[in-house]
Amino acid sequence: MVDPSDLDAALASVLPPGSLHAVGGRVRDEVRAEIDGVAYPAKDLDYVVVGIELDDLVARLRGIGRADVVGASFAVVKATIGETTVDVALPRRERSTGVGHRDFVVEWGADVPLVDDLARRDFRMNMLARALPGGTLVDPYGGVADIRARRVDLLRAEAFVEDPLRMLRACQFAARFAFTVTEATFAQMRAAAPLVASVSAERVRDELAKFLEAAVVPSHGFELMREGGLLAIVLPEVAAGLDVPQNQYHAYDVYRHNLATLDATAPGDLVLRLSALLHDVAKPQTRTVDAAGAHFYGHENLGADVTSTLLERLRFPSEVVRDVAALVKHHMYVADPALEAKALRRFVRRVGVDALERQFALRAADIVGSGLPKRDDANERFEARVFAIVAERPPLGVRDLAIGGADAIVALVTAGRLPSGSRGGPEVGQALSAALEWVTDEPGRNDREQLLPFLGDVVRGFSRGGP
């Protein structure tokens, strides 16, 4: 990763003394690092340059690299120095003339003071700048005091109305940094909460992903969203679990169980954390009660569908949607360490070798999230047996078979199911799937001398009214 000090020096070398300032999350995190005694990685390398005009700024930046004006309305320049691109902007002030971050009157230029640029930002802790190269901190609005007090606080009451995304950002920062949202800020959130419906799905997704990936206790962010009136609008499927009672195997309602399961996962894996949050998302719809108590039959299957719909609505990448939905779908597997080897092989085929670690991590978190003492070590013994099966490298897919599509086509042509010269059809896959099932029962059958006769029997079965 590029050293920020190298960029600082390069920019300062071509700009007037006293004009260059680092701003944004980088400065906030530098202050956090000083207070917490922890090194935080440098991100969001943004700069503001005061006292010069845009044309002059661009000309100077082109002396050390490439400079392209990408926000003429806001005087933002993309400066590429070596292989690193950063935002270098002139200070600006904004005046809202509408609701929802849509209508603003923007003024920018050499005559706009830095303090006005800082004031337009979301929270006091982000209204910081550092003069470069000297390093003097510019803190006109008490940002350092807020960081030291571990709080998220607005400067202006109307900030949430101007940009409703800021409400989600407040929850995100509080969760990631273990900060507290001030009462005044929380009151403004409750008042402006309905406006969060106007925020684009992509912006919502990005804020959720930030604290899901990074927060040690991500439930803190969701509880703030719930108490602030945001959760039922942004994630109604998750909010629906509130006060839905479970059974003797759970100490919490559905909502709090999902959050406890989420908190039991480690930071860094967005797919795992989304699956923990959503693994029981369909329990409210599937709840039935009889003399034995509450049941949630099929909630894992409906949950996979609900999960896919939710994540697609929020524009998560297709591979994330696929992987999370699969974890939700399979999370109710029976962890019986006494299962036959062929049953374990079918389990591995169903879940997928690459998903096993996450599937088992979800189960472990689910147990912690129950709020009850762990009963036994059956899950661990089951997992050990599964990994032993994987280590044997059995055939787990049709590509692992000692025969292939060409062999199936020959058998189908011989049986009169396909015309001579055919290049295949649905029955090719059906025949190979049948062969895989046969081999799954006994991996030693995976050789051509055994599989070709079996394939012939399978396709002759087709001609007698099979698939």
Protein backbone atom coordinates (compact mmCIF):
# COMPACT_ATOMS: atom_id res chain seq x y z
CA MET A 1 0.00 0.00 0.00
CA VAL A 2 1.21 3.50 -0.80
CA ASP A 3 2.70 5.51 2.05
CA PRO A 4 0.48 8.59 2.55
CA SER A 5 3.50 10.66 3.50
CA ASP A 6 4.96 10.14 0.03
CA LEU A 7 1.78 11.50 -1.56
CA ASP A 8 1.67 14.34 0.92
CA ALA A 9 5.22 15.33 0.03
CA ALA A 10 4.62 15.09 -3.71
CA LEU A 11 1.50 17.26 -3.55
CA ALA A 12 3.06 19.79 -1.17
CA SER A 13 6.04 20.16 -3.51
CA VAL A 14 3.90 21.75 -6.24
CA LEU A 15 1.34 23.66 -4.16
CA PRO A 16 1.69 27.00 -2.36
CA PRO A 17 2.85 26.74 1.26
CA GLY A 18 -0.06 26.42 3.68
CA SER A 19 -2.57 25.49 0.99
CA LEU A 20 -2.66 21.67 1.25
CA HIS A 21 -4.77 19.81 3.81
CA ALA A 22 -5.63 16.17 4.33
CA VAL A 23 -9.31 15.74 5.17
CA GLY A 24 -11.89 13.04 5.79
CA GLY A 25 -11.62 9.59 7.32
CA ARG A 26 -7.84 9.53 7.18
CA VAL A 27 -7.50 12.42 9.62
CA ARG A 28 -10.22 11.06 11.89
CA ASP A 29 -8.48 7.69 12.02
CA GLU A 30 -5.11 9.29 12.68
CA VAL A 31 -6.64 10.96 15.72
CA ARG A 32 -8.29 7.70 16.77
CA ALA A 33 -4.93 5.96 16.48
CA GLU A 34 -3.27 8.57 18.70
CA ILE A 35 -6.01 8.27 21.32
CA ASP A 36 -6.43 4.49 21.23
CA GLY A 37 -2.78 3.63 20.79
CA VAL A 38 -3.70 1.42 17.84
CA ALA A 39 -2.47 1.75 14.26
CA TYR A 40 -5.39 2.05 11.83
CA PRO A 41 -4.72 1.58 8.10
CA ALA A 42 -4.74 4.76 6.06
CA LYS A 43 -7.77 4.97 3.77
CA ASP A 44 -9.71 7.66 1.95
CA LEU A 45 -6.71 9.78 0.99
CA ASP A 46 -8.61 12.99 0.23
CA TYR A 47 -7.21 16.49 0.11
CA VAL A 48 -8.49 20.06 0.08
CA VAL A 49 -6.39 22.92 -1.30
CA VAL A 50 -7.19 26.45 -0.19
CA GLY A 51 -6.34 29.83 -1.67
CA ILE A 52 -5.90 28.95 -5.37
CA GLU A 53 -8.20 28.65 -8.36
CA LEU A 54 -9.14 25.45 -10.15
CA ASP A 55 -7.11 26.06 -13.32
CA ASP A 56 -4.03 26.79 -11.24
CA LEU A 57 -4.59 23.64 -9.17
CA VAL A 58 -4.88 21.43 -12.25
CA ALA A 59 -1.78 22.94 -13.84
CA ARG A 60 0.28 22.38 -10.70
CA LEU A 61 -0.90 18.79 -10.28
CA ARG A 62 -0.01 17.98 -13.87
CA GLY A 63 3.55 18.81 -12.99
CA ILE A 64 3.77 15.59 -10.96
CA GLY A 65 1.29 13.30 -12.70
CA ARG A 66 -2.10 13.17 -14.30
CA ALA A 67 -4.92 15.50 -13.23
CA ASP A 68 -8.52 15.26 -14.44
CA VAL A 69 -11.42 17.41 -13.30
CA VAL A 70 -14.18 14.91 -12.51
CA GLY A 71 -16.51 17.12 -10.53
CA ALA A 72 -16.57 20.50 -12.21
CA SER A 73 -19.67 21.41 -10.20
CA PHE A 74 -17.73 20.70 -7.01
CA ALA A 75 -14.14 21.46 -8.13
CA VAL A 76 -12.85 17.92 -7.57
CA VAL A 77 -9.72 16.73 -9.35
CA LYS A 78 -8.56 13.12 -9.69
CA ALA A 79 -4.80 13.30 -9.31
CA THR A 80 -2.78 10.24 -10.30
CA ILE A 81 0.73 10.17 -8.91
CA GLY A 82 2.61 7.04 -9.85
CA GLU A 83 0.00 4.29 -9.55
CA THR A 84 -2.13 6.00 -6.91
CA THR A 85 -5.17 8.17 -7.60
CA VAL A 86 -6.55 10.54 -4.97
CA ASP A 87 -9.18 13.27 -4.80
CA VAL A 88 -7.86 16.80 -4.56
CA ALA A 89 -10.58 19.43 -4.20
CA LEU A 90 -11.07 23.11 -3.63
CA PRO A 91 -13.05 23.99 -0.53
CA ARG A 92 -16.78 24.38 -0.98
CA ARG A 93 -19.86 25.29 0.97
CA GLU A 94 -23.30 23.88 0.35
CA ARG A 95 -26.81 25.14 1.05
CA SER A 96 -29.65 22.67 0.79
CA THR A 97 -32.72 23.76 -1.15
CA GLY A 98 -34.50 20.40 -1.03
CA VAL A 99 -34.75 17.09 0.79
CA GLY A 100 -32.74 13.92 0.40
CA HIS A 101 -29.36 15.08 -0.94
CA ARG A 102 -30.88 16.21 -4.23
CA ASP A 103 -31.01 19.98 -4.41
CA PHE A 104 -28.06 22.07 -3.28
CA VAL A 105 -26.58 25.44 -4.04
CA VAL A 106 -22.83 24.91 -4.11
CA GLU A 107 -20.13 27.58 -3.89
CA TRP A 108 -16.48 26.73 -4.31
CA GLY A 109 -13.22 28.46 -4.99
CA ALA A 110 -10.24 30.23 -3.52
CA ASP A 111 -12.38 32.52 -1.37
CA VAL A 112 -14.20 29.69 0.47
CA PRO A 113 -12.52 29.12 3.86
CA LEU A 114 -11.52 25.65 4.98
CA VAL A 115 -13.82 25.81 8.02
CA ASP A 116 -16.83 26.14 5.71
CA ASP A 117 -15.75 23.05 3.79
CA LEU A 118 -15.39 21.09 7.02
CA ALA A 119 -18.79 22.25 8.28
CA ARG A 120 -20.62 20.62 5.37
CA ARG A 121 -19.44 17.14 6.42
CA ASP A 122 -21.64 14.70 8.32
CA PHE A 123 -20.39 14.54 11.93
CA ARG A 124 -18.05 16.57 14.11
CA MET A 125 -15.54 13.72 14.26
CA ASN A 126 -15.20 13.98 10.47
CA MET A 127 -14.88 17.78 10.43
CA LEU A 128 -11.12 17.62 10.81
CA ALA A 129 -8.22 18.58 8.58
CA ARG A 130 -4.46 18.33 8.86
CA ALA A 131 -2.22 20.97 7.31
CA LEU A 132 0.53 19.49 5.16
CA PRO A 133 3.43 19.07 5.32
CA GLY A 134 3.55 20.51 8.84
CA GLY A 135 0.84 18.29 10.35
CA THR A 136 -1.05 20.95 12.29
CA LEU A 137 -4.55 19.71 13.12
CA VAL A 138 -7.50 21.92 12.16
CA ASP A 139 -10.43 21.22 14.49
CA PRO A 140 -12.96 24.07 14.48
CA TYR A 141 -15.98 22.01 15.59
CA GLY A 142 -14.75 19.80 18.41
CA GLY A 143 -14.07 16.66 16.41
CA VAL A 144 -11.16 15.54 18.59
CA ALA A 145 -13.28 15.90 21.72
CA ASP A 146 -15.96 13.71 20.15
CA ILE A 147 -13.42 11.05 19.19
CA ARG A 148 -11.96 11.12 22.68
CA ALA A 149 -15.47 10.80 24.16
CA ARG A 150 -16.29 8.07 21.60
CA ARG A 151 -19.43 9.76 20.33
CA VAL A 152 -21.15 10.49 17.03
CA ASP A 153 -22.64 13.99 17.00
CA LEU A 154 -24.16 16.34 14.43
CA LEU A 155 -23.14 19.95 14.04
CA ARG A 156 -26.41 20.93 12.33
CA ALA A 157 -29.86 19.53 13.09
CA GLU A 158 -30.86 19.56 9.42
CA ALA A 159 -27.98 17.32 8.30
CA PHE A 160 -30.11 14.15 8.20
CA VAL A 161 -32.80 15.86 6.13
CA GLU A 162 -30.20 17.09 3.66
CA ASP A 163 -28.76 13.60 3.23
CA PRO A 164 -30.71 10.74 4.88
CA LEU A 165 -27.79 8.37 4.25
CA ARG A 166 -26.08 10.08 7.15
CA MET A 167 -28.44 8.27 9.52
CA LEU A 168 -27.08 4.95 8.34
CA ARG A 169 -23.57 6.34 8.53
CA ALA A 170 -24.17 7.26 12.17
CA CYS A 171 -25.11 3.63 12.89
CA GLN A 172 -22.19 2.38 10.84
CA PHE A 173 -19.62 4.55 12.61
CA ALA A 174 -21.05 3.70 16.01
CA ALA A 175 -20.84 -0.03 15.26
CA ARG A 176 -17.39 0.04 13.67
CA PHE A 177 -15.77 2.27 16.27
CA ALA A 178 -17.84 1.25 19.33
CA PHE A 179 -19.03 4.85 19.66
CA THR A 180 -22.27 6.21 21.11
CA VAL A 181 -24.73 8.34 19.16
CA THR A 182 -25.57 11.45 21.18
CA GLU A 183 -29.15 11.94 22.35
CA ALA A 184 -29.56 15.07 20.25
CA THR A 185 -28.35 13.27 17.15
CA PHE A 186 -30.55 10.27 17.93
CA ALA A 187 -33.59 12.53 18.28
CA GLN A 188 -32.88 13.99 14.85
CA MET A 189 -32.56 10.45 13.47
CA ARG A 190 -35.97 9.45 14.80
CA ALA A 191 -37.52 12.58 13.32
CA ALA A 192 -35.95 12.08 9.90
CA ALA A 193 -36.15 8.26 9.76
CA PRO A 194 -38.87 8.03 7.03
CA LEU A 195 -36.51 9.84 4.66
CA VAL A 196 -34.15 6.85 4.61
CA ALA A 197 -36.54 5.28 2.09
CA SER A 198 -35.23 7.78 -0.47
CA VAL A 199 -31.63 6.52 -0.23
CA SER A 200 -30.47 4.40 -3.17
CA ALA A 201 -30.06 0.67 -2.63
CA GLU A 202 -26.37 0.86 -3.49
CA ARG A 203 -25.65 3.49 -0.82
CA VAL A 204 -27.57 1.49 1.79
CA ARG A 205 -25.66 -1.64 0.84
CA ASP A 206 -22.30 0.05 1.17
CA GLU A 207 -22.99 1.33 4.69
CA LEU A 208 -24.31 -2.03 5.85
CA ALA A 209 -21.31 -3.83 4.37
CA LYS A 210 -18.86 -1.52 6.12
CA PHE A 211 -19.95 -2.34 9.62
CA LEU A 212 -20.89 -5.93 8.89
CA GLU A 213 -17.33 -6.56 7.76
CA ALA A 214 -15.49 -4.49 10.34
CA ALA A 215 -17.47 -4.18 13.59
CA VAL A 216 -16.54 -6.45 16.45
CA VAL A 217 -20.15 -6.20 17.69
CA PRO A 218 -22.21 -5.50 14.55
CA SER A 219 -25.52 -5.90 16.41
CA HIS A 220 -24.82 -2.45 17.88
CA GLY A 221 -25.42 -0.93 14.44
CA PHE A 222 -28.64 -2.86 13.85
CA GLU A 223 -29.99 -1.98 17.28
CA LEU A 224 -29.32 1.69 16.58
CA MET A 225 -31.13 1.31 13.28
CA ARG A 226 -34.08 -0.31 15.04
CA GLU A 227 -34.30 2.23 17.85
CA GLY A 228 -33.84 5.08 15.38
CA GLY A 229 -36.70 3.90 13.15
CA LEU A 230 -34.52 2.87 10.22
CA LEU A 231 -34.51 -0.93 10.39
CA ALA A 232 -38.16 -1.51 9.52
CA ILE A 233 -37.68 0.62 6.40
CA VAL A 234 -34.29 -0.62 5.24
CA LEU A 235 -34.50 -4.28 6.33
CA PRO A 236 -38.15 -5.08 7.11
CA GLU A 237 -37.42 -8.81 6.83
CA VAL A 238 -34.96 -8.58 9.72
CA ALA A 239 -37.19 -6.31 11.79
CA ALA A 240 -40.06 -8.81 11.40
CA GLY A 241 -38.30 -11.16 13.82
CA LEU A 242 -38.68 -8.75 16.73
CA ASP A 243 -40.77 -10.25 19.55
CA VAL A 244 -41.39 -13.48 17.60
CA PRO A 245 -40.95 -16.15 20.31
CA GLN A 246 -39.08 -19.36 19.61
CA ASN A 247 -38.95 -22.66 21.49
CA GLN A 248 -37.07 -24.36 24.30
CA TYR A 249 -33.90 -24.42 22.24
CA HIS A 250 -33.57 -20.63 22.20
CA ALA A 251 -33.31 -17.97 24.89
CA TYR A 252 -34.14 -15.09 22.55
CA ASP A 253 -36.79 -14.05 20.08
CA VAL A 254 -36.02 -14.48 16.38
CA TYR A 255 -34.62 -10.97 15.91
CA ARG A 256 -32.29 -11.06 18.91
CA HIS A 257 -31.20 -14.61 18.09
CA ASN A 258 -30.16 -13.49 14.60
CA LEU A 259 -28.17 -10.62 16.11
CA ALA A 260 -26.55 -12.87 18.72
CA THR A 261 -25.57 -15.30 15.96
CA LEU A 262 -24.15 -12.41 13.94
CA ASP A 263 -22.08 -11.21 16.89
CA ALA A 264 -20.68 -14.74 17.31
CA THR A 265 -18.98 -14.52 13.91
CA ALA A 266 -15.57 -12.96 13.40
CA PRO A 267 -15.11 -9.70 11.46
CA GLY A 268 -13.86 -9.81 7.91
CA ASP A 269 -16.18 -12.25 6.12
CA LEU A 270 -19.18 -10.40 4.67
CA VAL A 271 -20.79 -13.58 3.31
CA LEU A 272 -20.63 -15.37 6.65
CA ARG A 273 -21.92 -12.36 8.54
CA LEU A 274 -24.84 -11.84 6.15
CA SER A 275 -25.75 -15.51 6.47
CA ALA A 276 -25.67 -15.22 10.27
CA LEU A 277 -27.93 -12.18 10.20
CA LEU A 278 -30.37 -13.83 7.79
CA HIS A 279 -30.19 -17.54 8.61
CA ASP A 280 -33.55 -17.50 10.43
CA VAL A 281 -35.10 -14.62 8.51
CA ALA A 282 -38.12 -16.72 7.44
CA LYS A 283 -39.03 -17.95 10.91
CA PRO A 284 -41.80 -15.36 11.39
CA GLN A 285 -43.57 -16.63 8.25
CA THR A 286 -43.17 -20.32 9.08
CA ARG A 287 -43.99 -20.32 12.81
CA THR A 288 -46.58 -22.86 13.96
CA VAL A 289 -47.45 -23.94 17.47
CA ASP A 290 -48.75 -27.25 18.79
CA ALA A 291 -48.71 -29.07 22.09
CA ALA A 292 -44.96 -29.64 21.75
CA GLY A 293 -44.23 -25.96 21.29
CA ALA A 294 -43.26 -23.69 18.40
CA HIS A 295 -42.01 -25.08 15.09
CA PHE A 296 -40.53 -23.42 12.01
CA TYR A 297 -40.80 -26.12 9.38
CA GLY A 298 -39.05 -25.29 6.13
CA HIS A 299 -37.80 -21.92 7.31
CA GLU A 300 -34.37 -22.64 5.81
CA ASN A 301 -35.79 -23.12 2.32
CA LEU A 302 -38.07 -20.09 2.43
CA GLY A 303 -35.23 -18.21 4.13
CA ALA A 304 -32.96 -18.83 1.15
CA ASP A 305 -35.58 -17.28 -1.13
CA VAL A 306 -36.16 -14.32 1.19
CA THR A 307 -32.40 -13.83 1.49
CA SER A 308 -31.93 -13.78 -2.27
CA THR A 309 -34.73 -11.25 -2.72
CA LEU A 310 -33.40 -9.01 0.05
CA LEU A 311 -29.79 -9.02 -1.13
CA GLU A 312 -30.78 -8.50 -4.75
CA ARG A 313 -32.91 -5.53 -3.70
CA LEU A 314 -29.84 -4.02 -2.06
CA ARG A 315 -27.75 -4.69 -5.18
CA PHE A 316 -25.25 -7.04 -3.56
CA PRO A 317 -23.03 -8.83 -6.12
CA SER A 318 -24.57 -11.99 -7.57
CA GLU A 319 -21.88 -14.23 -6.06
CA VAL A 320 -22.61 -12.82 -2.60
CA VAL A 321 -26.34 -13.42 -3.08
CA ARG A 322 -25.67 -16.98 -4.23
CA ASP A 323 -23.27 -17.88 -1.43
CA VAL A 324 -25.32 -16.35 1.39
CA ALA A 325 -28.56 -17.94 0.18
CA ALA A 326 -26.85 -21.33 0.00
CA LEU A 327 -25.57 -21.05 3.57
CA VAL A 328 -29.06 -20.13 4.76
CA LYS A 329 -30.61 -23.00 2.80
CA HIS A 330 -28.28 -25.62 4.28
CA HIS A 331 -27.93 -24.35 7.84
CA MET A 332 -30.34 -26.93 9.30
CA TYR A 333 -28.22 -29.94 8.32
CA VAL A 334 -28.17 -32.93 10.68
CA ALA A 335 -24.76 -33.13 12.35
CA ASP A 336 -24.75 -36.82 13.18
CA PRO A 337 -21.18 -38.11 13.52
CA ALA A 338 -22.51 -41.68 13.16
CA LEU A 339 -23.78 -41.16 9.60
CA GLU A 340 -22.56 -43.58 6.97
CA ALA A 341 -19.73 -42.42 4.76
CA LYS A 342 -22.00 -42.25 1.72
CA ALA A 343 -24.33 -39.89 3.59
CA LEU A 344 -21.37 -37.68 4.48
CA ARG A 345 -20.27 -37.62 0.84
CA ARG A 346 -23.77 -36.53 -0.17
CA PHE A 347 -23.62 -33.80 2.47
CA VAL A 348 -20.34 -32.53 1.03
CA ARG A 349 -21.80 -32.61 -2.48
CA ARG A 350 -24.88 -30.70 -1.34
CA VAL A 351 -23.02 -27.97 0.57
CA GLY A 352 -19.90 -27.84 -1.60
CA VAL A 353 -16.32 -28.34 -0.47
CA ASP A 354 -15.53 -24.63 -0.69
CA ALA A 355 -18.51 -23.73 1.53
CA LEU A 356 -17.84 -26.21 4.35
CA GLU A 357 -15.76 -23.89 6.53
CA ARG A 358 -18.41 -21.18 6.39
CA GLN A 359 -21.26 -23.63 6.87
CA PHE A 360 -19.63 -25.00 10.00
CA ALA A 361 -18.79 -21.50 11.25
CA LEU A 362 -22.44 -20.54 10.82
CA ARG A 363 -23.51 -23.58 12.84
CA ALA A 364 -21.05 -22.69 15.62
CA ALA A 365 -22.34 -19.11 15.71
CA ASP A 366 -25.94 -20.36 15.66
CA ILE A 367 -25.25 -22.44 18.78
CA VAL A 368 -23.73 -19.45 20.58
CA GLY A 369 -26.62 -17.31 19.39
CA SER A 370 -29.15 -19.63 21.01
CA GLY A 371 -28.23 -18.10 24.34
CA LEU A 372 -28.20 -21.54 25.96
CA PRO A 373 -25.33 -23.78 27.11
CA LYS A 374 -23.75 -25.96 24.45
CA ARG A 375 -25.13 -29.49 24.80
CA ASP A 376 -22.37 -31.75 23.44
CA ASP A 377 -19.54 -32.09 20.92
CA ALA A 378 -21.58 -33.77 18.16
CA ASN A 379 -20.98 -30.92 15.73
CA GLU A 380 -17.23 -31.07 16.17
CA ARG A 381 -17.15 -34.84 15.71
CA PHE A 382 -19.37 -34.55 12.64
CA GLU A 383 -17.09 -31.89 11.15
CA ALA A 384 -14.01 -34.01 11.78
CA ARG A 385 -15.59 -36.91 9.91
CA VAL A 386 -16.61 -34.63 7.04
CA PHE A 387 -13.09 -33.27 6.64
CA ALA A 388 -11.73 -36.83 6.77
CA ILE A 389 -14.07 -37.72 3.90
CA VAL A 390 -12.90 -34.68 1.92
CA ALA A 391 -9.29 -35.70 2.49
CA GLU A 392 -10.04 -38.98 0.72
CA ARG A 393 -10.81 -36.94 -2.42
CA PRO A 394 -13.91 -38.91 -3.49
CA PRO A 395 -15.70 -37.96 -6.72
CA LEU A 396 -18.06 -35.15 -5.77
CA GLY A 397 -19.22 -33.97 -9.17
CA VAL A 398 -19.76 -35.33 -12.68
CA ARG A 399 -16.44 -33.83 -13.71
CA ASP A 400 -14.76 -36.19 -11.24
CA LEU A 401 -16.18 -39.29 -12.97
CA ALA A 402 -13.99 -41.62 -14.98
CA ILE A 403 -16.51 -41.24 -17.83
CA GLY A 404 -17.79 -38.13 -19.54
CA GLY A 405 -20.43 -36.67 -21.76
CA ALA A 406 -19.10 -38.41 -24.86
CA ASP A 407 -19.53 -41.79 -23.19
CA ALA A 408 -23.10 -40.93 -22.21
CA ILE A 409 -23.90 -39.86 -25.79
CA VAL A 410 -22.57 -43.18 -27.16
CA ALA A 411 -24.72 -45.11 -24.68
CA LEU A 412 -27.80 -43.04 -25.52
CA VAL A 413 -27.27 -43.46 -29.27
CA THR A 414 -26.78 -47.22 -28.80
CA ALA A 415 -30.02 -47.40 -26.83
CA GLY A 416 -31.86 -45.44 -29.50
CA ARG A 417 -32.47 -42.46 -27.23
CA LEU A 418 -30.44 -40.11 -29.43
CA PRO A 419 -29.89 -40.12 -33.21
CA SER A 420 -26.50 -41.00 -34.67
CA GLY A 421 -24.25 -37.95 -34.73
CA SER A 422 -26.09 -36.28 -31.86
CA ARG A 423 -24.15 -33.81 -29.75
CA GLY A 424 -26.19 -34.46 -26.63
CA GLY A 425 -29.32 -33.41 -24.77
CA PRO A 426 -30.83 -33.33 -21.27
CA GLU A 427 -30.52 -37.10 -20.90
CA VAL A 428 -26.73 -36.83 -21.01
CA GLY A 429 -26.75 -34.91 -17.75
CA GLN A 430 -29.35 -37.24 -16.26
CA ALA A 431 -27.24 -40.29 -17.08
CA LEU A 432 -24.09 -38.76 -15.62
CA SER A 433 -25.99 -37.70 -12.49
CA ALA A 434 -27.17 -41.28 -12.03
CA ALA A 435 -23.59 -42.47 -12.39
CA LEU A 436 -22.45 -39.95 -9.79
CA GLU A 437 -25.07 -41.19 -7.35
CA TRP A 438 -23.87 -44.76 -7.87
CA VAL A 439 -20.26 -43.77 -7.34
CA THR A 440 -21.12 -41.70 -4.27
CA ASP A 441 -22.38 -44.87 -2.60
CA GLU A 442 -19.03 -46.55 -3.29
CA PRO A 443 -16.15 -44.40 -4.64
CA GLY A 444 -14.30 -47.55 -5.76
CA ARG A 445 -16.79 -47.84 -8.59
CA ASN A 446 -15.28 -44.77 -10.25
CA ASP A 447 -13.45 -46.53 -13.09
CA ARG A 448 -14.43 -46.89 -16.71
CA GLU A 449 -14.69 -50.68 -16.68
CA GLN A 450 -17.44 -50.48 -14.05
CA LEU A 451 -19.06 -47.23 -15.13
CA LEU A 452 -19.58 -47.99 -18.83
CA PRO A 453 -21.80 -51.05 -18.17
CA PHE A 454 -23.65 -49.12 -15.51
CA LEU A 455 -24.20 -46.27 -17.96
CA GLY A 456 -25.64 -48.75 -20.46
CA ASP A 457 -28.07 -50.03 -17.83
CA VAL A 458 -29.11 -46.48 -16.94
CA VAL A 459 -29.93 -45.41 -20.49
CA ARG A 460 -31.76 -48.68 -21.18
CA GLY A 461 -33.84 -47.78 -18.16
CA PHE A 462 -34.63 -44.48 -19.88
CA SER A 463 -35.95 -46.36 -22.88
CA ARG A 464 -38.25 -48.33 -20.56
CA GLY A 465 -39.89 -45.17 -19.34
CA GLY A 466 -37.22 -43.66 -17.10
CA PRO A 467 -36.16 -39.99 -17.22
